[in-house]
Amino acid sequence: MQVDEVAVVAVVNRLKRAQGQLAGIQRMLEEGRDCADVITQLAAVSRALDKAGFAIVASGLTQCVAAGDAGDVDRDKLEKLFLSLA
């Protein structure tokens, strides 16, 4: 299953932002920032990564649905992908 090029651009941008957030969290820890602030930022990064994963899976689902009944859809594989994000 290939990911749509438009989705790839959006996911890569989201991952770059998450990477910046992670660097910020590292700085926060090194500076001794408040635990609640650090956890809030960790939660934000986690959500960003989840959204990136869901966007990739959604792109694949779109392609599978477009293939129709004649398409070679591996439902077990799709289910495992969804569960890996849960």
Protein backbone atom coordinates (compact mmCIF):
# COMPACT_ATOMS: atom_id res chain seq x y z
CA MET A 1 0.00 0.00 0.00
CA GLN A 2 1.53 3.29 -1.11
CA VAL A 3 0.86 6.59 0.63
CA ASP A 4 -0.56 9.41 -1.48
CA GLU A 5 2.06 12.06 -2.30
CA VAL A 6 -0.07 14.87 -0.87
CA ALA A 7 -0.47 12.91 2.37
CA VAL A 8 3.28 12.30 2.50
CA VAL A 9 4.00 16.04 2.36
CA ALA A 10 1.52 16.75 5.16
CA VAL A 11 2.82 13.89 7.32
CA VAL A 12 6.45 14.88 6.82
CA ASN A 13 5.60 18.46 7.85
CA ARG A 14 3.79 17.18 10.94
CA LEU A 15 6.78 14.98 11.84
CA LYS A 16 9.17 17.91 11.45
CA ARG A 17 7.04 19.95 13.85
CA ALA A 18 6.99 17.03 16.29
CA GLN A 19 10.76 16.78 16.02
CA GLY A 20 11.01 20.46 16.96
CA GLN A 21 8.65 19.88 19.87
CA LEU A 22 10.82 17.00 21.09
CA ALA A 23 13.91 19.21 20.98
CA GLY A 24 11.99 21.77 23.01
CA ILE A 25 11.05 19.14 25.57
CA GLN A 26 14.68 18.11 25.90
CA ARG A 27 15.62 21.74 26.57
CA MET A 28 12.80 22.03 29.11
CA LEU A 29 14.14 19.01 30.99
CA GLU A 30 17.70 20.31 30.89
CA GLU A 31 16.53 23.66 32.23
CA GLY A 32 14.61 22.02 35.06
CA ARG A 33 11.19 23.21 33.91
CA ASP A 34 8.03 22.26 35.76
CA CYS A 35 6.97 18.62 35.38
CA ALA A 36 3.41 19.55 34.38
CA ASP A 37 4.70 21.72 31.51
CA VAL A 38 6.95 18.91 30.27
CA ILE A 39 4.12 16.37 30.39
CA THR A 40 1.79 18.76 28.55
CA GLN A 41 4.34 19.05 25.75
CA LEU A 42 4.91 15.27 25.69
CA ALA A 43 1.16 14.78 25.28
CA ALA A 44 1.14 17.26 22.39
CA VAL A 45 3.96 15.40 20.62
CA SER A 46 2.18 12.10 21.19
CA ARG A 47 -1.00 13.47 19.59
CA ALA A 48 1.00 14.83 16.64
CA LEU A 49 2.59 11.43 16.05
CA ASP A 50 -0.80 9.72 16.34
CA LYS A 51 -2.26 12.11 13.76
CA ALA A 52 0.65 11.39 11.41
CA GLY A 53 0.02 7.67 11.72
CA PHE A 54 -3.71 8.06 11.21
CA ALA A 55 -3.09 10.19 8.12
CA ILE A 56 -0.92 7.44 6.63
CA VAL A 57 -3.50 4.75 7.39
CA ALA A 58 -6.33 6.94 6.05
CA SER A 59 -4.43 7.46 2.82
CA GLY A 60 -4.05 3.73 2.43
CA LEU A 61 -7.72 3.15 3.19
CA THR A 62 -8.71 5.69 0.60
CA GLN A 63 -6.71 3.79 -2.00
CA CYS A 64 -8.24 0.47 -0.89
CA VAL A 65 -11.78 1.83 -1.08
CA ALA A 66 -11.05 3.30 -4.51
CA ALA A 67 -9.89 -0.14 -5.66
CA GLY A 68 -13.39 -1.52 -5.03
CA ASP A 69 -14.25 -5.18 -4.65
CA ALA A 70 -11.81 -6.21 -7.37
CA GLY A 71 -8.87 -4.64 -5.49
CA ASP A 72 -6.44 -6.78 -3.52
CA VAL A 73 -7.18 -5.51 0.00
CA ASP A 74 -5.40 -7.20 2.89
CA ARG A 75 -7.94 -6.57 5.64
CA ASP A 76 -5.82 -8.29 8.29
CA LYS A 77 -2.92 -5.98 7.49
CA LEU A 78 -5.16 -2.91 7.71
CA GLU A 79 -6.56 -4.09 11.03
CA LYS A 80 -3.05 -4.60 12.43
CA LEU A 81 -2.08 -1.09 11.29
CA PHE A 82 -5.08 0.40 13.08
CA LEU A 83 -4.39 -1.57 16.23
CA SER A 84 -0.75 -0.51 16.24
CA LEU A 85 -1.92 3.09 16.63
CA ALA A 86 -4.36 2.32 19.44
